[in-house]
PDB file of N, CA and C in Angstrom:
ATOM      1  N   MET A   1     -20.874  20.072 -26.144  1.00  0.00           N
ATOM      2  CA  MET A   1     -19.707  19.946 -25.305  1.00  0.00           C
ATOM      3  C   MET A   1     -18.559  19.406 -26.163  1.00  0.00           C
ATOM      4  N   THR A   2     -17.397  19.967 -26.032  1.00  0.00           N
ATOM      5  CA  THR A   2     -16.255  19.543 -26.832  1.00  0.00           C
ATOM      6  C   THR A   2     -15.379  18.591 -26.036  1.00  0.00           C
ATOM      7  N   ASP A   3     -14.681  17.755 -26.774  1.00  0.00           N
ATOM      8  CA  ASP A   3     -13.759  16.798 -26.155  1.00  0.00           C
ATOM      9  C   ASP A   3     -12.418  17.487 -25.943  1.00  0.00           C
ATOM     10  N   THR A   4     -11.925  17.503 -24.718  1.00  0.00           N
ATOM     11  CA  THR A   4     -10.681  18.213 -24.410  1.00  0.00           C
ATOM     12  C   THR A   4      -9.450  17.332 -24.539  1.00  0.00           C
ATOM     13  N   GLN A   5      -9.639  16.027 -24.737  1.00  0.00           N
ATOM     14  CA  GLN A   5      -8.489  15.141 -24.869  1.00  0.00           C
ATOM     15  C   GLN A   5      -7.995  15.130 -26.305  1.00  0.00           C
ATOM     16  N   THR A   6      -6.700  15.211 -26.470  1.00  0.00           N
ATOM     17  CA  THR A   6      -6.089  15.094 -27.783  1.00  0.00           C
ATOM     18  C   THR A   6      -5.716  13.634 -28.007  1.00  0.00           C
ATOM     19  N   PRO A   7      -5.458  13.244 -29.252  1.00  0.00           N
ATOM     20  CA  PRO A   7      -5.032  11.855 -29.489  1.00  0.00           C
ATOM     21  C   PRO A   7      -3.786  11.471 -28.691  1.00  0.00           C
ATOM     22  N   ALA A   8      -2.878  12.406 -28.480  1.00  0.00           N
ATOM     23  CA  ALA A   8      -1.671  12.110 -27.695  1.00  0.00           C
ATOM     24  C   ALA A   8      -2.028  11.809 -26.245  1.00  0.00           C
ATOM     25  N   ASP A   9      -3.020  12.531 -25.687  1.00  0.00           N
ATOM     26  CA  ASP A   9      -3.472  12.259 -24.321  1.00  0.00           C
ATOM     27  C   ASP A   9      -4.065  10.866 -24.214  1.00  0.00           C
ATOM     28  N   THR A  10      -4.803  10.459 -25.236  1.00  0.00           N
ATOM     29  CA  THR A  10      -5.424   9.137 -25.225  1.00  0.00           C
ATOM     30  C   THR A  10      -4.364   8.045 -25.255  1.00  0.00           C
ATOM     31  N   VAL A  11      -3.344   8.220 -26.076  1.00  0.00           N
ATOM     32  CA  VAL A  11      -2.262   7.235 -26.153  1.00  0.00           C
ATOM     33  C   VAL A  11      -1.529   7.168 -24.825  1.00  0.00           C
ATOM     34  N   THR A  12      -1.247   8.300 -24.222  1.00  0.00           N
ATOM     35  CA  THR A  12      -0.555   8.334 -22.938  1.00  0.00           C
ATOM     36  C   THR A  12      -1.390   7.659 -21.863  1.00  0.00           C
ATOM     37  N   THR A  13      -2.682   7.953 -21.832  1.00  0.00           N
ATOM     38  CA  THR A  13      -3.571   7.337 -20.848  1.00  0.00           C
ATOM     39  C   THR A  13      -3.629   5.826 -21.040  1.00  0.00           C
ATOM     40  N   THR A  14      -3.700   5.375 -22.277  1.00  0.00           N
ATOM     41  CA  THR A  14      -3.734   3.941 -22.554  1.00  0.00           C
ATOM     42  C   THR A  14      -2.428   3.280 -22.129  1.00  0.00           C
ATOM     43  N   ALA A  15      -1.310   3.924 -22.390  1.00  0.00           N
ATOM     44  CA  ALA A  15      -0.013   3.361 -22.002  1.00  0.00           C
ATOM     45  C   ALA A  15       0.108   3.262 -20.483  1.00  0.00           C
ATOM     46  N   LEU A  16      -0.366   4.290 -19.775  1.00  0.00           N
ATOM     47  CA  LEU A  16      -0.307   4.254 -18.310  1.00  0.00           C
ATOM     48  C   LEU A  16      -1.219   3.178 -17.741  1.00  0.00           C
ATOM     49  N   THR A  17      -2.395   3.028 -18.321  1.00  0.00           N
ATOM     50  CA  THR A  17      -3.322   1.996 -17.862  1.00  0.00           C
ATOM     51  C   THR A  17      -2.731   0.615 -18.089  1.00  0.00           C
ATOM     52  N   THR A  18      -2.103   0.417 -19.240  1.00  0.00           N
ATOM     53  CA  THR A  18      -1.475  -0.870 -19.534  1.00  0.00           C
ATOM     54  C   THR A  18      -0.326  -1.137 -18.566  1.00  0.00           C
ATOM     55  N   ARG A  19       0.472  -0.123 -18.281  1.00  0.00           N
ATOM     56  CA  ARG A  19       1.591  -0.294 -17.342  1.00  0.00           C
ATOM     57  C   ARG A  19       1.091  -0.645 -15.950  1.00  0.00           C
ATOM     58  N   ARG A  20       0.050   0.051 -15.500  1.00  0.00           N
ATOM     59  CA  ARG A  20      -0.515  -0.259 -14.183  1.00  0.00           C
ATOM     60  C   ARG A  20      -1.082  -1.671 -14.150  1.00  0.00           C
ATOM     61  N   SER A  21      -1.711  -2.089 -15.230  1.00  0.00           N
ATOM     62  CA  SER A  21      -2.261  -3.451 -15.280  1.00  0.00           C
ATOM     63  C   SER A  21      -1.160  -4.486 -15.136  1.00  0.00           C
ATOM     64  N   TRP A  22      -0.049  -4.286 -15.854  1.00  0.00           N
ATOM     65  CA  TRP A  22       1.067  -5.221 -15.743  1.00  0.00           C
ATOM     66  C   TRP A  22       1.691  -5.195 -14.368  1.00  0.00           C
ATOM     67  N   LEU A  23       1.730  -4.030 -13.743  1.00  0.00           N
ATOM     68  CA  LEU A  23       2.242  -3.952 -12.372  1.00  0.00           C
ATOM     69  C   LEU A  23       1.360  -4.740 -11.416  1.00  0.00           C
ATOM     70  N   TRP A  24       0.045  -4.663 -11.588  1.00  0.00           N
ATOM     71  CA  TRP A  24      -0.868  -5.424 -10.735  1.00  0.00           C
ATOM     72  C   TRP A  24      -0.683  -6.930 -10.938  1.00  0.00           C
ATOM     73  N   VAL A  25      -0.509  -7.351 -12.184  1.00  0.00           N
ATOM     74  CA  VAL A  25      -0.293  -8.776 -12.465  1.00  0.00           C
ATOM     75  C   VAL A  25       1.013  -9.241 -11.821  1.00  0.00           C
ATOM     76  N   LEU A  26       2.078  -8.461 -12.012  1.00  0.00           N
ATOM     77  CA  LEU A  26       3.372  -8.824 -11.424  1.00  0.00           C
ATOM     78  C   LEU A  26       3.301  -8.833  -9.897  1.00  0.00           C
ATOM     79  N   LEU A  27       2.585  -7.871  -9.319  1.00  0.00           N
ATOM     80  CA  LEU A  27       2.425  -7.826  -7.864  1.00  0.00           C
ATOM     81  C   LEU A  27       1.716  -9.088  -7.364  1.00  0.00           C
ATOM     82  N   THR A  28       0.660  -9.490  -8.054  1.00  0.00           N
ATOM     83  CA  THR A  28      -0.090 -10.685  -7.649  1.00  0.00           C
ATOM     84  C   THR A  28       0.782 -11.939  -7.727  1.00  0.00           C
ATOM     85  N   VAL A  29       1.534 -12.071  -8.805  1.00  0.00           N
ATOM     86  CA  VAL A  29       2.417 -13.237  -8.957  1.00  0.00           C
ATOM     87  C   VAL A  29       3.504 -13.224  -7.880  1.00  0.00           C
ATOM     88  N   ALA A  30       4.090 -12.069  -7.633  1.00  0.00           N
ATOM     89  CA  ALA A  30       5.161 -11.968  -6.630  1.00  0.00           C
ATOM     90  C   ALA A  30       4.634 -12.292  -5.233  1.00  0.00           C
ATOM     91  N   VAL A  31       3.435 -11.843  -4.914  1.00  0.00           N
ATOM     92  CA  VAL A  31       2.841 -12.171  -3.606  1.00  0.00           C
ATOM     93  C   VAL A  31       2.605 -13.674  -3.502  1.00  0.00           C
ATOM     94  N   GLY A  32       2.114 -14.276  -4.577  1.00  0.00           N
ATOM     95  CA  GLY A  32       1.898 -15.728  -4.573  1.00  0.00           C
ATOM     96  C   GLY A  32       3.190 -16.498  -4.370  1.00  0.00           C
ATOM     97  N   VAL A  33       4.245 -16.090  -5.064  1.00  0.00           N
ATOM     98  CA  VAL A  33       5.548 -16.737  -4.901  1.00  0.00           C
ATOM     99  C   VAL A  33       6.059 -16.531  -3.479  1.00  0.00           C
ATOM    100  N   ASN A  34       5.839 -15.346  -2.942  1.00  0.00           N
ATOM    101  CA  ASN A  34       6.290 -15.054  -1.580  1.00  0.00           C
ATOM    102  C   ASN A  34       5.561 -15.932  -0.563  1.00  0.00           C
ATOM    103  N   VAL A  35       4.284 -16.156  -0.772  1.00  0.00           N
ATOM    104  CA  VAL A  35       3.510 -17.019   0.133  1.00  0.00           C
ATOM    105  C   VAL A  35       4.042 -18.451   0.081  1.00  0.00           C
ATOM    106  N   VAL A  36       4.285 -18.946  -1.129  1.00  0.00           N
ATOM    107  CA  VAL A  36       4.798 -20.311  -1.278  1.00  0.00           C
ATOM    108  C   VAL A  36       6.200 -20.415  -0.664  1.00  0.00           C
ATOM    109  N   ALA A  37       7.016 -19.392  -0.867  1.00  0.00           N
ATOM    110  CA  ALA A  37       8.365 -19.407  -0.291  1.00  0.00           C
ATOM    111  C   ALA A  37       8.311 -19.344   1.233  1.00  0.00           C
ATOM    112  N   SER A  38       7.347 -18.602   1.760  1.00  0.00           N
ATOM    113  CA  SER A  38       7.213 -18.513   3.213  1.00  0.00           C
ATOM    114  C   SER A  38       6.787 -19.843   3.822  1.00  0.00           C
ATOM    115  N   ALA A  39       6.105 -20.660   3.039  1.00  0.00           N
ATOM    116  CA  ALA A  39       5.691 -21.979   3.518  1.00  0.00           C
ATOM    117  C   ALA A  39       6.863 -22.965   3.533  1.00  0.00           C
ATOM    118  N   GLY A  40       7.991 -22.549   2.996  1.00  0.00           N
ATOM    119  CA  GLY A  40       9.172 -23.407   3.022  1.00  0.00           C
ATOM    120  C   GLY A  40       9.335 -24.272   1.804  1.00  0.00           C
ATOM    121  N   VAL A  41       8.494 -24.091   0.805  1.00  0.00           N
ATOM    122  CA  VAL A  41       8.565 -24.920  -0.400  1.00  0.00           C
ATOM    123  C   VAL A  41       9.688 -24.454  -1.319  1.00  0.00           C
ATOM    124  N   LEU A  42       9.948 -23.157  -1.347  1.00  0.00           N
ATOM    125  CA  LEU A  42      10.981 -22.590  -2.214  1.00  0.00           C
ATOM    126  C   LEU A  42      12.158 -22.108  -1.371  1.00  0.00           C
ATOM    127  N   PRO A  43      13.326 -21.982  -1.989  1.00  0.00           N
ATOM    128  CA  PRO A  43      14.505 -21.514  -1.246  1.00  0.00           C
ATOM    129  C   PRO A  43      14.345 -20.088  -0.720  1.00  0.00           C
ATOM    130  N   LEU A  44      15.108 -19.763   0.275  1.00  0.00           N
ATOM    131  CA  LEU A  44      15.047 -18.454   0.917  1.00  0.00           C
ATOM    132  C   LEU A  44      15.321 -17.322  -0.071  1.00  0.00           C
ATOM    133  N   GLY A  45      16.272 -17.508  -0.970  1.00  0.00           N
ATOM    134  CA  GLY A  45      16.620 -16.479  -1.954  1.00  0.00           C
ATOM    135  C   GLY A  45      15.444 -16.122  -2.860  1.00  0.00           C
ATOM    136  N   VAL A  46      14.659 -17.118  -3.206  1.00  0.00           N
ATOM    137  CA  VAL A  46      13.473 -16.874  -4.049  1.00  0.00           C
ATOM    138  C   VAL A  46      12.455 -16.046  -3.271  1.00  0.00           C
ATOM    139  N   GLY A  47      12.290 -16.349  -2.000  1.00  0.00           N
ATOM    140  CA  GLY A  47      11.364 -15.581  -1.165  1.00  0.00           C
ATOM    141  C   GLY A  47      11.801 -14.129  -1.005  1.00  0.00           C
ATOM    142  N   ILE A  48      13.094 -13.938  -0.826  1.00  0.00           N
ATOM    143  CA  ILE A  48      13.613 -12.574  -0.699  1.00  0.00           C
ATOM    144  C   ILE A  48      13.420 -11.806  -2.001  1.00  0.00           C
ATOM    145  N   ALA A  49      13.725 -12.456  -3.125  1.00  0.00           N
ATOM    146  CA  ALA A  49      13.554 -11.804  -4.428  1.00  0.00           C
ATOM    147  C   ALA A  49      12.092 -11.456  -4.673  1.00  0.00           C
ATOM    148  N   ALA A  50      11.192 -12.375  -4.341  1.00  0.00           N
ATOM    149  CA  ALA A  50       9.764 -12.112  -4.515  1.00  0.00           C
ATOM    150  C   ALA A  50       9.305 -10.969  -3.616  1.00  0.00           C
ATOM    151  N   GLY A  51       9.846 -10.897  -2.419  1.00  0.00           N
ATOM    152  CA  GLY A  51       9.508  -9.799  -1.517  1.00  0.00           C
ATOM    153  C   GLY A  51       9.968  -8.458  -2.055  1.00  0.00           C
ATOM    154  N   LEU A  52      11.161  -8.434  -2.639  1.00  0.00           N
ATOM    155  CA  LEU A  52      11.670  -7.192  -3.228  1.00  0.00           C
ATOM    156  C   LEU A  52      10.848  -6.764  -4.441  1.00  0.00           C
ATOM    157  N   VAL A  53      10.447  -7.729  -5.262  1.00  0.00           N
ATOM    158  CA  VAL A  53       9.596  -7.421  -6.419  1.00  0.00           C
ATOM    159  C   VAL A  53       8.245  -6.896  -5.940  1.00  0.00           C
ATOM    160  N   THR A  54       7.702  -7.502  -4.900  1.00  0.00           N
ATOM    161  CA  THR A  54       6.432  -7.042  -4.333  1.00  0.00           C
ATOM    162  C   THR A  54       6.557  -5.606  -3.832  1.00  0.00           C
ATOM    163  N   LEU A  55       7.618  -5.324  -3.125  1.00  0.00           N
ATOM    164  CA  LEU A  55       7.854  -3.973  -2.616  1.00  0.00           C
ATOM    165  C   LEU A  55       7.980  -2.964  -3.758  1.00  0.00           C
ATOM    166  N   ALA A  56       8.721  -3.332  -4.799  1.00  0.00           N
ATOM    167  CA  ALA A  56       8.905  -2.430  -5.943  1.00  0.00           C
ATOM    168  C   ALA A  56       7.586  -2.165  -6.664  1.00  0.00           C
ATOM    169  N   CYS A  57       6.803  -3.211  -6.889  1.00  0.00           N
ATOM    170  CA  CYS A  57       5.511  -3.037  -7.569  1.00  0.00           C
ATOM    171  C   CYS A  57       4.570  -2.166  -6.745  1.00  0.00           C
ATOM    172  N   ALA A  58       4.500  -2.418  -5.462  1.00  0.00           N
ATOM    173  CA  ALA A  58       3.621  -1.625  -4.600  1.00  0.00           C
ATOM    174  C   ALA A  58       4.050  -0.161  -4.600  1.00  0.00           C
ATOM    175  N   THR A  59       5.350   0.076  -4.550  1.00  0.00           N
ATOM    176  CA  THR A  59       5.859   1.451  -4.572  1.00  0.00           C
ATOM    177  C   THR A  59       5.504   2.143  -5.880  1.00  0.00           C
ATOM    178  N   LEU A  60       5.697   1.462  -6.999  1.00  0.00           N
ATOM    179  CA  LEU A  60       5.377   2.056  -8.299  1.00  0.00           C
ATOM    180  C   LEU A  60       3.886   2.316  -8.453  1.00  0.00           C
ATOM    181  N   LEU A  61       3.052   1.432  -7.933  1.00  0.00           N
ATOM    182  CA  LEU A  61       1.606   1.653  -8.009  1.00  0.00           C
ATOM    183  C   LEU A  61       1.177   2.840  -7.153  1.00  0.00           C
ATOM    184  N   VAL A  62       1.773   2.987  -5.982  1.00  0.00           N
ATOM    185  CA  VAL A  62       1.453   4.140  -5.131  1.00  0.00           C
ATOM    186  C   VAL A  62       1.913   5.431  -5.800  1.00  0.00           C
ATOM    187  N   LEU A  63       3.105   5.431  -6.376  1.00  0.00           N
ATOM    188  CA  LEU A  63       3.595   6.620  -7.069  1.00  0.00           C
ATOM    189  C   LEU A  63       2.706   6.984  -8.253  1.00  0.00           C
ATOM    190  N   ALA A  64       2.253   5.993  -9.000  1.00  0.00           N
ATOM    191  CA  ALA A  64       1.359   6.256 -10.127  1.00  0.00           C
ATOM    192  C   ALA A  64       0.041   6.851  -9.638  1.00  0.00           C
ATOM    193  N   ARG A  65      -0.445   6.368  -8.520  1.00  0.00           N
ATOM    194  CA  ARG A  65      -1.694   6.894  -7.946  1.00  0.00           C
ATOM    195  C   ARG A  65      -1.529   8.342  -7.501  1.00  0.00           C
ATOM    196  N   VAL A  66      -0.409   8.636  -6.850  1.00  0.00           N
ATOM    197  CA  VAL A  66      -0.156   9.996  -6.373  1.00  0.00           C
ATOM    198  C   VAL A  66      -0.015  10.954  -7.553  1.00  0.00           C
ATOM    199  N   ARG A  67       0.632  10.531  -8.602  1.00  0.00           N
ATOM    200  CA  ARG A  67       0.803  11.390  -9.784  1.00  0.00           C
ATOM    201  C   ARG A  67      -0.512  11.691 -10.476  1.00  0.00           C
ATOM    202  N   ARG A  68      -1.465  10.756 -10.439  1.00  0.00           N
ATOM    203  CA  ARG A  68      -2.761  10.966 -11.099  1.00  0.00           C
ATOM    204  C   ARG A  68      -3.638  11.921 -10.355  1.00  0.00           C
ATOM    205  N   ARG A  69      -3.381  12.171  -9.099  1.00  0.00           N
ATOM    206  CA  ARG A  69      -4.245  13.049  -8.310  1.00  0.00           C
ATOM    207  C   ARG A  69      -4.140  14.457  -8.711  1.00  0.00           C
TER     208      ARG A  69
END
């Protein structure tokens, strides 16, 4: 059986996996900040910013998933 992936495909796959990993980390941090802000510990602006970052990360992860299908 021959390998159908070229070295360029491997680099692209690794880059996408790394990007998705960083998106998951950022999503987790943003959700944590949003929870703390919702508890009233942080200012409202920080909570709104964390919510927007959470929304952006979730959107990018869904788009990446749809593209891989």
